[in-house]
């Protein structure tokens, strides 16, 4: 059915072209655009060329061997021959138009003479010098010339012979055969491609994934490809049919101009696009060079700072830990500079829409970036002041933990309870930061804890117990040796603080726990009770608060005693 429709379309186009050509030939009685008999002109116009009174160089406007007018004078540097050639070209252009109207040929008086016009086109100018040599007036010569032009161009139909029609019909049939073969070939290729795609469903054609996330399923991808093939087939058929129709119209003289006009209109957008692309090529080349240069500079910066980080390049006052943040800052500056250089070469850079969008984005960024900029600046300050590094045990405000990540915006800390806390760099800069690892790596970090003991226990004994407990605690260094400080003398007790050195800042919580356990062991072994700050002891015969395992076999529960004035206890 589709091939039959195409065949009928080609036959209809051929038939219409043939009828149009024959009708035009009958109306114009088989005359060419400029084939005009001299007798007809003489009958229509009469004698219009008086004999010049003197010999002068001249040139005639001749079309199909017939003389329409004679030029004598030189005008604007153009000789009579050049004027005649130009006038002939204008007349031929007018004759090729399908909408020619002889009544549009008019005259107009000018200071230089009389102009012959067709619409807005100037055919020729009859000057006063032409009239003087021809012994006539510019008005009479111009009107005679216009009359001859009207008669000549009124019979402009191009002669269509039987051979032209036969050739057009033969070429149209050949074009139809080629069209049908091409359609059959395209249809066969499309059917084969669709069959192949169906057979590859779920086998060679698999789902498109980003890691484990499925972006496009296999069935959906096959359906998309099948639809693309069908649309491509339709587009090719429409394109081939359009070319076929234009070519058939071009085979016949009377529809040839129509074919040319349709082809020009169809190609106009493509020509405009090609011209715009060619005009943009220098800017595109500049953009490519900017991108390549930016990539090369960033790659060199990556190499340079990696070498500093790996200590293959060394600067005395530059910490290798600064390499990574310095690279990120350098990359940001390079990309920002490249964007500033590249923006004027982007298409539409000078358009009002581009400027308006840029203005809106600039306002939004300026209003919403104050916090971001402050955090970035704080991140740079923290980096280059070596406040802390990745892996350090720090305390910011009430948050204590290990630094797991730091960038220009936030610092992430893993607390001792395995909670990841994100702290903005601006907040860190405005807070006190305690870094335990700085002195810990040197073995000079001091861990300390406080116990309160009543005044009945001698401080030498307490000091010995606390120091021995510290020395037996895992993670506590023996050198420098632990020491004790009496931090306060209160109403009911003395505050004793034990201080011990460690080089394991990241194990502070575990070391504190072991230290507290050892202190309890040592004090229980020495039969020394660790009193709470508000505890008051009144022995009433109850057991001691010291665990039973530390009392020993000789321990006896104290009894409640009352002493009288006689000094006897009961």
Protein backbone atom coordinates (compact mmCIF):
# COMPACT_ATOMS: atom_id res chain seq x y z
CA UNK A 1 0.00 0.00 0.00
CA UNK A 2 2.80 2.43 0.84
CA UNK A 3 4.63 1.74 -2.43
CA UNK A 4 1.38 2.19 -4.35
CA UNK A 5 0.79 5.57 -2.68
CA UNK A 6 4.32 6.73 -3.56
CA UNK A 7 3.82 5.59 -7.15
CA UNK A 8 0.53 7.49 -7.39
CA UNK A 9 2.20 10.57 -5.92
CA UNK A 10 4.95 10.50 -8.55
CA UNK A 11 2.45 9.98 -11.39
CA UNK A 12 0.35 12.90 -10.10
CA UNK A 13 3.38 15.19 -9.89
CA UNK A 14 4.42 14.26 -13.42
CA UNK A 15 0.91 14.73 -14.75
CA UNK A 16 0.52 18.15 -13.10
CA UNK A 17 3.86 19.32 -14.46
CA UNK A 18 2.89 18.14 -17.96
CA UNK A 19 -0.52 19.88 -17.87
CA UNK A 20 0.98 23.10 -16.56
CA UNK A 21 3.63 23.12 -19.27
CA UNK A 22 1.15 22.40 -22.06
CA UNK A 23 -1.29 25.05 -20.84
CA UNK A 24 1.38 27.68 -20.67
CA UNK A 25 2.60 26.80 -24.16
CA UNK A 26 -0.92 27.08 -25.57
CA UNK A 27 -1.58 30.44 -23.93
CA UNK A 28 1.65 31.99 -25.18
CA UNK A 29 1.51 30.33 -28.61
CA UNK A 30 4.89 28.65 -28.38
CA UNK A 31 6.98 31.82 -28.06
CA UNK A 32 10.17 32.27 -26.07
CA UNK A 33 10.60 35.05 -23.46
CA UNK A 34 12.46 37.35 -25.81
CA UNK A 35 11.66 35.90 -29.28
CA UNK A 36 9.73 38.85 -30.76
CA UNK A 37 9.27 39.50 -34.43
CA UNK A 38 10.35 42.90 -35.68
CA UNK A 39 7.06 43.38 -37.51
CA UNK A 40 5.13 43.02 -34.23
CA UNK A 41 7.22 45.63 -32.54
CA UNK A 42 6.84 48.04 -35.45
CA UNK A 43 3.09 47.53 -35.43
CA UNK A 44 2.87 48.09 -31.67
CA UNK A 45 5.29 50.95 -31.27
CA UNK A 46 6.22 52.38 -34.61
CA UNK A 47 9.44 54.05 -35.55
CA UNK A 48 11.21 55.11 -32.32
CA UNK A 49 14.82 55.63 -33.33
CA UNK A 50 15.48 58.83 -35.28
CA UNK A 51 18.71 58.93 -37.22
CA UNK A 52 21.38 60.70 -35.17
CA UNK A 53 22.67 63.96 -36.55
CA UNK A 54 26.27 62.98 -35.87
CA UNK A 55 28.31 59.86 -35.59
CA UNK A 56 28.81 58.67 -32.00
CA UNK A 57 29.78 55.37 -30.30
CA UNK A 58 26.61 53.48 -29.42
CA UNK A 59 25.38 50.08 -28.18
CA UNK A 60 21.96 48.50 -28.56
CA UNK A 61 19.94 46.38 -26.13
CA UNK A 62 19.41 43.18 -28.13
CA UNK A 63 17.28 40.23 -26.99
CA UNK A 64 16.94 37.17 -29.25
CA UNK A 65 18.45 39.16 -32.10
CA UNK A 66 15.98 42.03 -31.77
CA UNK A 67 17.08 45.57 -30.91
CA UNK A 68 15.00 47.32 -28.27
CA UNK A 69 17.00 50.51 -27.59
CA UNK A 70 20.30 52.24 -28.40
CA UNK A 71 22.54 53.88 -25.78
CA UNK A 72 24.89 56.69 -26.84
CA UNK A 73 26.24 58.39 -23.72
CA UNK A 74 28.68 57.38 -21.00
CA UNK A 75 26.98 57.42 -17.54
CA UNK A 76 28.81 57.03 -14.20
CA UNK A 77 31.86 55.63 -15.96
CA UNK A 78 29.79 53.01 -17.84
CA UNK A 79 30.23 52.92 -21.61
CA UNK A 80 27.22 52.45 -23.87
CA UNK A 81 28.17 48.77 -24.28
CA UNK A 82 28.28 48.22 -20.50
CA UNK A 83 24.96 50.02 -20.10
CA UNK A 84 23.38 47.81 -22.73
CA UNK A 85 24.73 44.61 -21.12
CA UNK A 86 23.46 45.65 -17.70
CA UNK A 87 20.01 46.47 -19.07
CA UNK A 88 19.86 43.10 -20.83
CA UNK A 89 20.71 41.27 -17.60
CA UNK A 90 17.97 43.12 -15.70
CA UNK A 91 15.42 42.28 -18.40
CA UNK A 92 16.34 38.62 -18.32
CA UNK A 93 15.96 38.52 -14.54
CA UNK A 94 12.52 40.11 -14.82
CA UNK A 95 11.50 37.68 -17.56
CA UNK A 96 12.35 34.67 -15.39
CA UNK A 97 9.77 35.66 -12.77
CA UNK A 98 6.49 33.76 -12.89
CA UNK A 99 4.47 36.71 -11.58
CA UNK A 100 5.51 39.21 -14.28
CA UNK A 101 3.05 42.04 -14.93
CA UNK A 102 3.79 44.23 -17.98
CA UNK A 103 1.85 47.13 -16.46
CA UNK A 104 4.55 47.46 -13.77
CA UNK A 105 6.97 48.90 -16.37
CA UNK A 106 6.81 52.68 -15.77
CA UNK A 107 8.92 55.80 -16.27
CA UNK A 108 10.06 58.40 -13.76
CA UNK A 109 11.69 61.78 -14.35
CA UNK A 110 15.01 62.45 -12.61
CA UNK A 111 17.60 65.24 -12.78
CA UNK A 112 19.79 62.98 -14.94
CA UNK A 113 17.00 62.09 -17.38
CA UNK A 114 14.16 59.58 -17.38
CA UNK A 115 14.33 56.21 -15.53
CA UNK A 116 12.61 53.01 -16.61
CA UNK A 117 11.40 51.08 -13.56
CA UNK A 118 9.82 47.71 -12.91
CA UNK A 119 8.49 47.75 -9.37
CA UNK A 120 11.49 48.85 -7.34
CA UNK A 121 14.01 47.71 -9.98
CA UNK A 122 15.67 50.27 -12.24
CA UNK A 123 15.89 48.84 -15.76
CA UNK A 124 17.77 51.72 -17.43
CA UNK A 125 18.16 55.51 -17.57
CA UNK A 126 17.66 57.60 -20.72
CA UNK A 127 19.98 60.57 -20.28
CA UNK A 128 19.81 64.01 -21.90
CA UNK A 129 22.97 63.14 -23.82
CA UNK A 130 21.23 60.05 -25.28
CA UNK A 131 18.29 62.27 -26.30
CA UNK A 132 20.54 64.96 -27.78
CA UNK A 133 22.45 62.51 -29.95
CA UNK A 134 19.22 60.73 -30.99
CA UNK A 135 17.64 64.14 -31.76
CA UNK A 136 14.73 63.48 -29.44
CA UNK A 137 13.63 64.00 -25.83
CA UNK A 138 14.28 61.77 -22.86
CA UNK A 139 10.53 61.51 -22.25
CA UNK A 140 9.78 60.25 -25.78
CA UNK A 141 12.75 57.87 -25.89
CA UNK A 142 11.94 56.43 -22.45
CA UNK A 143 8.25 55.88 -23.28
CA UNK A 144 9.13 54.21 -26.60
CA UNK A 145 11.65 51.96 -24.80
CA UNK A 146 9.03 51.08 -22.15
CA UNK A 147 6.49 50.16 -24.83
CA UNK A 148 8.93 47.82 -26.53
CA UNK A 149 9.82 46.19 -23.21
CA UNK A 150 6.13 45.60 -22.43
CA UNK A 151 5.57 43.97 -25.80
CA UNK A 152 8.73 41.84 -25.60
CA UNK A 153 8.27 40.61 -22.07
CA UNK A 154 4.56 39.95 -22.50
CA UNK A 155 5.59 37.02 -24.74
CA UNK A 156 8.16 35.56 -22.36
CA UNK A 157 6.96 31.94 -22.05
CA UNK A 158 9.79 29.53 -22.59
CA UNK A 159 9.25 27.21 -25.54
CA UNK A 160 8.36 23.72 -24.38
CA UNK A 161 8.95 21.16 -27.07
CA UNK A 162 7.85 17.55 -27.24
CA UNK A 163 11.38 16.40 -26.54
CA UNK A 164 11.53 18.41 -23.30
CA UNK A 165 8.27 16.87 -22.13
CA UNK A 166 9.40 13.39 -23.07
CA UNK A 167 12.70 13.86 -21.26
CA UNK A 168 10.91 15.17 -18.15
CA UNK A 169 8.49 12.24 -18.14
CA UNK A 170 11.28 9.72 -18.62
CA UNK A 171 13.39 11.20 -15.84
CA UNK A 172 10.35 11.31 -13.55
CA UNK A 173 9.68 7.61 -14.14
CA UNK A 174 13.34 6.83 -13.45
CA UNK A 175 13.26 8.93 -10.27
CA UNK A 176 10.11 7.06 -9.19
CA UNK A 177 11.80 3.70 -9.68
CA UNK A 178 14.82 4.85 -7.68
CA UNK A 179 12.50 6.18 -4.97
CA UNK A 180 10.67 2.86 -4.66
CA UNK A 181 13.93 0.90 -4.53
CA UNK A 182 15.29 3.25 -1.87
CA UNK A 183 12.12 2.95 0.21
CA UNK A 184 12.26 -0.82 -0.03
CA UNK A 185 15.92 -0.85 1.02
CA UNK A 186 15.32 1.46 4.00
CA UNK A 187 12.32 -0.60 5.10
CA UNK A 188 14.31 -3.82 4.87
CA UNK A 189 17.19 -2.36 6.89
CA UNK A 190 14.77 -1.01 9.53
CA UNK A 191 12.97 -4.37 9.84
CA UNK A 192 16.30 -6.18 10.18
CA UNK A 193 17.55 -3.71 12.81
CA UNK A 194 14.33 -4.08 14.84
CA UNK A 195 14.62 -7.87 14.67
CA UNK A 196 18.21 -7.77 15.88
CA UNK A 197 17.33 -5.46 18.75
CA UNK A 198 14.50 -7.78 19.81
CA UNK A 199 16.85 -10.79 19.76
CA UNK A 200 19.41 -8.90 21.88
CA UNK A 201 16.83 -7.98 24.56
CA UNK A 202 18.27 -9.08 27.90
CA UNK A 203 21.38 -10.68 26.33
CA UNK A 204 23.72 -8.30 24.53
CA UNK A 205 21.69 -5.26 25.55
CA UNK A 206 21.80 -4.96 29.32
CA UNK A 207 20.63 -2.41 31.82
CA UNK A 208 22.62 0.79 32.29
CA UNK A 209 23.77 1.04 35.90
CA UNK A 210 25.62 3.50 38.06
CA UNK A 211 27.36 1.19 40.50
CA UNK A 212 24.44 -0.84 41.90
CA UNK A 213 21.67 1.61 40.94
CA UNK A 214 19.84 0.72 37.72
CA UNK A 215 19.43 3.85 35.62
CA UNK A 216 17.71 2.35 32.54
CA UNK A 217 16.40 -1.21 32.44
CA UNK A 218 17.22 -3.58 29.57
CA UNK A 219 13.62 -3.68 28.29
CA UNK A 220 13.27 0.09 28.44
CA UNK A 221 16.59 0.53 26.62
CA UNK A 222 15.48 -1.85 23.84
CA UNK A 223 12.18 0.02 23.48
CA UNK A 224 14.05 3.32 23.22
CA UNK A 225 16.31 1.92 20.49
CA UNK A 226 13.32 0.47 18.59
CA UNK A 227 11.54 3.83 18.72
CA UNK A 228 14.72 5.57 17.52
CA UNK A 229 14.97 3.19 14.54
CA UNK A 230 11.33 3.79 13.57
CA UNK A 231 11.63 7.56 13.85
CA UNK A 232 14.84 7.47 11.81
CA UNK A 233 13.05 5.44 9.16
CA UNK A 234 10.19 7.94 8.97
CA UNK A 235 12.61 10.89 8.83
CA UNK A 236 14.59 9.29 6.00
CA UNK A 237 11.41 8.51 4.04
CA UNK A 238 10.20 12.11 4.38
CA UNK A 239 13.60 13.45 3.34
CA UNK A 240 13.81 11.16 0.30
CA UNK A 241 10.24 12.00 -0.73
CA UNK A 242 10.96 15.73 -0.48
CA UNK A 243 14.08 15.34 -2.64
CA UNK A 244 12.05 13.28 -5.11
CA UNK A 245 9.30 15.91 -5.44
CA UNK A 246 11.83 18.74 -5.90
CA UNK A 247 13.69 16.76 -8.54
CA UNK A 248 10.54 15.89 -10.48
CA UNK A 249 9.52 19.55 -10.49
CA UNK A 250 12.99 20.42 -11.75
CA UNK A 251 12.62 18.06 -14.75
CA UNK A 252 10.01 20.34 -16.42
CA UNK A 253 10.80 23.90 -17.55
CA UNK A 254 7.64 25.53 -16.18
CA UNK A 255 8.07 24.12 -12.67
CA UNK A 256 11.82 24.48 -12.50
CA UNK A 257 11.69 27.88 -10.82
CA UNK A 258 9.20 26.52 -8.26
CA UNK A 259 11.62 23.70 -7.46
CA UNK A 260 14.45 26.17 -7.01
CA UNK A 261 12.37 28.37 -4.71
CA UNK A 262 11.25 25.43 -2.55
CA UNK A 263 14.82 24.11 -2.27
CA UNK A 264 16.11 27.56 -1.30
CA UNK A 265 13.47 27.95 1.41
CA UNK A 266 14.18 24.47 2.76
CA UNK A 267 17.93 25.05 2.84
CA UNK A 268 17.73 28.52 4.40
CA UNK A 269 17.70 27.34 8.06
CA UNK A 270 20.52 24.89 7.36
CA UNK A 271 22.58 27.58 5.66
CA UNK A 272 21.98 29.96 8.56
CA UNK A 273 23.05 27.26 11.04
CA UNK A 274 26.18 26.45 9.03
CA UNK A 275 27.08 30.14 8.73
CA UNK A 276 26.59 30.65 12.48
CA UNK A 277 28.73 27.58 13.21
CA UNK A 278 31.51 28.75 10.90
CA UNK A 279 31.37 32.22 12.44
CA UNK A 280 31.63 30.71 15.94
CA UNK A 281 34.59 28.45 15.09
CA UNK A 282 37.29 30.95 16.24
CA UNK A 283 35.56 31.38 19.61
CA UNK A 284 35.10 27.62 19.89
CA UNK A 285 38.80 27.10 19.21
CA UNK A 286 39.62 29.66 21.92
CA UNK A 287 37.35 27.83 24.39
CA UNK A 288 39.01 24.52 23.59
CA UNK A 289 42.44 26.05 24.17
CA UNK A 290 41.28 27.56 27.48
CA UNK A 291 39.94 24.16 28.62
CA UNK A 292 43.14 22.35 27.61
CA UNK A 293 45.32 24.96 29.31
CA UNK A 294 43.22 24.81 32.48
CA UNK A 295 43.42 21.02 32.54
CA UNK A 296 47.20 21.15 32.07
CA UNK A 297 47.66 23.70 34.87
CA UNK A 298 45.45 21.70 37.27
CA UNK A 299 47.37 18.52 36.43
CA UNK A 300 50.66 20.25 37.16
CA UNK A 301 49.26 21.57 40.46
CA UNK A 302 48.18 18.03 41.37
CA UNK A 303 51.68 16.71 40.62
CA UNK A 304 53.36 19.54 42.54
CA UNK A 305 51.32 19.23 45.74
CA UNK A 306 51.43 15.41 45.65
CA UNK A 307 55.19 15.68 45.56
CA UNK A 308 55.11 17.99 48.60
CA UNK A 309 52.80 15.57 50.42
CA UNK A 310 55.14 12.65 49.64
CA UNK A 311 58.13 14.80 50.71
CA UNK A 312 59.87 14.44 47.33
CA UNK A 313 59.69 18.26 47.18
CA UNK A 314 60.45 19.99 50.46
CA UNK A 315 60.08 23.56 51.68
CA UNK A 316 61.33 24.53 55.09
CA UNK A 317 58.24 26.41 56.28
CA UNK A 318 55.61 24.39 54.41
CA UNK A 319 54.02 21.49 56.28
CA UNK A 320 53.37 18.46 54.04
CA UNK A 321 49.92 18.20 55.62
CA UNK A 322 49.06 21.46 53.90
CA UNK A 323 49.50 19.91 50.45
CA UNK A 324 45.96 18.57 49.99
CA UNK A 325 44.05 21.69 51.13
CA UNK A 326 46.49 23.89 49.21
CA UNK A 327 45.80 21.88 46.06
CA UNK A 328 42.04 22.30 46.52
CA UNK A 329 42.41 26.06 46.98
CA UNK A 330 44.68 26.31 43.93
CA UNK A 331 42.26 24.25 41.83
CA UNK A 332 39.37 26.51 42.84
CA UNK A 333 41.31 29.65 41.91
CA UNK A 334 42.42 28.17 38.56
CA UNK A 335 38.88 27.13 37.60
CA UNK A 336 37.43 30.49 38.66
CA UNK A 337 40.02 32.35 36.58
CA UNK A 338 39.40 30.07 33.59
CA UNK A 339 35.66 30.73 33.81
CA UNK A 340 36.22 34.48 33.84
CA UNK A 341 38.39 34.20 30.73
CA UNK A 342 36.04 31.78 28.92
CA UNK A 343 32.68 33.47 29.57
CA UNK A 344 33.04 36.15 26.83
CA UNK A 345 33.52 33.38 24.23
CA UNK A 346 30.33 31.51 25.12
CA UNK A 347 27.40 31.77 22.66
CA UNK A 348 24.88 34.38 23.71
CA UNK A 349 27.27 36.08 26.12
CA UNK A 350 26.19 39.53 24.93
CA UNK A 351 22.46 38.71 24.92
CA UNK A 352 20.22 40.55 27.43
CA UNK A 353 18.85 37.22 28.73
CA UNK A 354 22.34 35.98 29.62
CA UNK A 355 23.08 39.22 31.46
CA UNK A 356 19.81 39.13 33.38
CA UNK A 357 20.34 35.53 34.47
CA UNK A 358 23.90 36.37 35.52
CA UNK A 359 22.64 39.35 37.52
CA UNK A 360 20.03 37.23 39.35
CA UNK A 361 22.59 34.51 40.13
CA UNK A 362 25.04 37.12 41.38
CA UNK A 363 22.45 38.60 43.74
CA UNK A 364 21.49 35.14 45.04
CA UNK A 365 25.12 34.17 45.61
CA UNK A 366 25.95 37.44 47.34
CA UNK A 367 22.95 37.15 49.67
CA UNK A 368 23.34 33.48 50.52
CA UNK A 369 27.08 32.98 50.55
CA UNK A 370 28.08 34.98 53.63
CA UNK A 371 28.03 31.88 55.87
CA UNK A 372 29.76 29.79 53.22
CA UNK A 373 32.53 32.34 52.73
CA UNK A 374 33.08 32.65 56.48
CA UNK A 375 33.35 28.86 56.84
CA UNK A 376 35.78 28.67 53.90
CA UNK A 377 37.97 31.40 55.37
CA UNK A 378 37.84 29.71 58.78
CA UNK A 379 38.80 26.39 57.17
CA UNK A 380 41.82 28.01 55.53
CA UNK A 381 42.88 29.60 58.84
CA UNK A 382 42.53 26.30 60.73
CA UNK A 383 44.53 24.49 58.06
CA UNK A 384 47.48 26.84 57.97
CA UNK A 385 47.61 27.34 61.75
CA UNK A 386 47.94 23.56 62.34
CA UNK A 387 45.16 23.62 64.92
CA UNK A 388 44.61 19.88 64.38
CA UNK A 389 45.13 17.13 61.84
CA UNK A 390 43.26 14.07 60.66
CA UNK A 391 43.34 11.46 63.46
CA UNK A 392 43.98 13.91 66.31
CA UNK A 393 42.00 13.57 69.55
CA UNK A 394 40.50 17.01 70.18
CA UNK A 395 37.78 18.66 72.22
CA UNK A 396 35.63 21.46 70.75
CA UNK A 397 33.22 22.85 73.30
CA UNK A 398 31.63 19.79 74.88
CA UNK A 399 32.45 17.46 71.95
CA UNK A 400 35.49 15.19 72.37
CA UNK A 401 36.64 12.76 69.69
CA UNK A 402 38.98 11.96 66.82
CA UNK A 403 39.13 14.10 63.65
CA UNK A 404 38.03 11.93 60.73
CA UNK A 405 37.59 14.56 58.01
CA UNK A 406 38.34 18.22 57.46
CA UNK A 407 37.61 20.44 54.47
CA UNK A 408 37.04 24.10 53.75
CA UNK A 409 33.47 24.01 55.09
CA UNK A 410 33.16 21.60 58.04
CA UNK A 411 35.22 19.33 60.28
CA UNK A 412 33.88 15.88 61.17
CA UNK A 413 34.70 14.34 64.55
CA UNK A 414 34.03 10.77 65.70
CA UNK A 415 33.19 10.91 69.39
CA UNK A 416 34.18 8.30 71.97
CA UNK A 417 30.67 6.85 71.51
CA UNK A 418 31.24 6.46 67.73
CA UNK A 419 29.03 9.45 66.92
CA UNK A 420 30.14 11.47 63.88
CA UNK A 421 29.66 15.15 64.64
CA UNK A 422 29.94 17.79 61.86
CA UNK A 423 31.13 21.14 63.17
CA UNK A 424 31.20 24.22 60.85
CA UNK A 425 34.65 25.71 60.60
CA UNK A 426 33.29 29.15 61.49
CA UNK A 427 32.08 27.78 64.84
CA UNK A 428 35.43 26.08 65.47
CA UNK A 429 37.29 29.33 64.83
CA UNK A 430 35.14 31.06 67.45
CA UNK A 431 35.59 28.27 70.04
CA UNK A 432 38.42 26.90 72.15
CA UNK A 433 40.04 23.82 70.61
CA UNK A 434 41.93 21.43 72.90
CA UNK A 435 44.27 19.12 70.98
CA UNK A 436 45.34 16.14 73.10
CA UNK A 437 47.40 14.52 70.33
CA UNK A 438 49.87 17.39 69.98
CA UNK A 439 51.53 16.59 73.33
CA UNK A 440 50.51 12.96 73.26
CA UNK A 441 52.87 12.08 70.40
CA UNK A 442 55.70 13.51 72.53
CA UNK A 443 54.68 11.44 75.58
CA UNK A 444 53.90 14.60 77.55
CA UNK A 445 50.11 14.47 77.73
CA UNK A 446 49.07 14.43 81.40
CA UNK A 447 45.98 12.53 82.49
CA UNK A 448 44.65 13.44 85.91
CA UNK A 449 41.88 12.44 88.28
CA UNK A 450 40.89 13.54 91.81
CA UNK A 451 39.89 11.62 94.97
CA UNK A 452 38.76 13.05 98.31
CA UNK A 453 40.02 11.45 101.51
CA UNK A 454 39.35 12.39 105.12
CA UNK A 455 41.89 14.12 107.29
CA UNK A 456 42.49 10.96 109.37
CA UNK A 457 44.60 9.45 106.57
CA UNK A 458 48.20 10.78 106.19
CA UNK A 459 48.90 12.36 102.82
CA UNK A 460 52.14 10.37 102.39
CA UNK A 461 50.11 7.17 102.39
CA UNK A 462 47.62 8.58 99.89
CA UNK A 463 50.42 9.74 97.60
CA UNK A 464 52.02 6.31 97.65
CA UNK A 465 48.71 4.61 96.84
CA UNK A 466 47.87 6.97 93.97
CA UNK A 467 51.32 6.79 92.35
CA UNK A 468 51.44 3.01 92.58
CA UNK A 469 47.95 2.77 91.04
CA UNK A 470 49.05 5.01 88.14
CA UNK A 471 52.20 3.00 87.50
CA UNK A 472 50.19 -0.23 87.21
CA UNK A 473 47.70 1.31 84.74
CA UNK A 474 48.14 0.25 81.05
CA UNK A 475 49.06 3.20 78.85
CA UNK A 476 50.68 5.25 81.64
CA UNK A 477 54.36 6.05 81.16
CA UNK A 478 56.82 5.32 83.97
CA UNK A 479 59.08 8.11 82.75
CA UNK A 480 58.33 10.85 83.52
CA UNK A 481 56.97 9.42 86.76
CA UNK A 482 53.43 10.07 87.97
CA UNK A 483 53.00 12.62 90.75
CA UNK A 484 50.33 13.80 93.18
CA UNK A 485 48.98 17.26 93.96
CA UNK A 486 46.82 18.34 96.91
CA UNK A 487 44.37 20.61 95.14
CA UNK A 488 42.18 21.69 98.07
CA UNK A 489 41.65 21.43 101.83
CA UNK A 490 37.93 21.30 102.47
CA UNK A 491 35.89 21.04 105.66
CA UNK A 492 35.71 17.27 105.84
CA UNK A 493 38.28 16.01 103.39
CA UNK A 494 41.39 16.70 101.31
CA UNK A 495 41.31 16.64 97.49
CA UNK A 496 44.20 14.61 96.07
CA UNK A 497 44.91 14.77 92.31
CA UNK A 498 47.05 12.10 90.64
CA UNK A 499 48.83 13.13 87.42
CA UNK A 500 50.36 10.66 84.96
CA UNK A 501 51.94 10.91 81.52
CA UNK A 502 50.78 9.01 78.42
CA UNK A 503 51.53 8.86 74.71
CA UNK A 504 48.15 7.35 73.77
CA UNK A 505 45.87 10.34 73.38
CA UNK A 506 43.31 8.37 71.34
CA UNK A 507 42.91 5.88 74.24
CA UNK A 508 42.24 8.45 76.95
CA UNK A 509 38.85 7.07 77.97
CA UNK A 510 40.13 3.52 78.35
CA UNK A 511 43.21 4.68 80.30
CA UNK A 512 41.03 6.73 82.66
CA UNK A 513 38.81 3.69 83.25
CA UNK A 514 41.81 1.46 84.07
CA UNK A 515 43.31 4.16 86.31
CA UNK A 516 40.11 4.48 88.33
CA UNK A 517 39.95 0.70 88.75
CA UNK A 518 43.57 0.56 89.98
CA UNK A 519 42.96 3.38 92.48
CA UNK A 520 40.05 1.48 93.95
CA UNK A 521 42.14 -1.68 94.19
CA UNK A 522 45.03 0.08 95.92
CA UNK A 523 42.86 1.98 98.41
CA UNK A 524 40.82 -1.12 99.28
CA UNK A 525 43.99 -3.13 99.85
CA UNK A 526 45.25 -0.40 102.21
CA UNK A 527 41.92 -0.27 104.05
CA UNK A 528 41.41 3.38 103.07
CA UNK A 529 37.89 4.45 102.33
CA UNK A 530 37.25 6.87 99.47
CA UNK A 531 34.71 9.28 100.93
CA UNK A 532 32.26 11.25 98.86
CA UNK A 533 32.43 15.05 99.41
CA UNK A 534 29.35 15.17 101.70
CA UNK A 535 29.83 11.76 103.47
CA UNK A 536 30.01 11.74 107.29
CA UNK A 537 30.92 8.54 109.10
CA UNK A 538 29.23 7.50 112.40
CA UNK A 539 30.24 3.96 113.38
CA UNK A 540 27.28 2.15 114.80
CA UNK A 541 28.50 -1.44 114.68
CA UNK A 542 27.86 -2.01 110.96
CA UNK A 543 30.44 -3.57 108.62
CA UNK A 544 33.02 -1.35 106.93
CA UNK A 545 32.30 -0.16 103.39
CA UNK A 546 35.56 -1.82 102.25
CA UNK A 547 34.84 -4.99 100.22
CA UNK A 548 35.12 -8.24 102.16
CA UNK A 549 37.93 -9.56 99.92
CA UNK A 550 40.19 -6.71 101.12
CA UNK A 551 39.45 -7.00 104.91
CA UNK A 552 41.65 -10.00 105.71
CA UNK A 553 41.10 -12.77 108.25
CA UNK A 554 41.81 -10.57 111.29
CA UNK A 555 39.04 -8.13 110.50
CA UNK A 556 36.38 -7.71 113.18
CA UNK A 557 33.20 -5.79 112.80
CA UNK A 558 33.33 -2.69 115.02
CA UNK A 559 30.82 -2.42 117.82
CA UNK A 560 28.81 0.56 118.93
CA UNK A 561 30.38 1.87 122.13
CA UNK A 562 29.26 4.52 124.63
CA UNK A 563 31.80 5.91 127.14
CA UNK A 564 30.51 7.21 130.50
CA UNK A 565 32.05 9.75 132.84
CA UNK A 566 33.62 6.91 134.78
CA UNK A 567 35.62 6.05 131.60
CA UNK A 568 34.00 2.74 131.15
CA UNK A 569 32.82 1.62 127.75
CA UNK A 570 29.70 -0.39 127.29
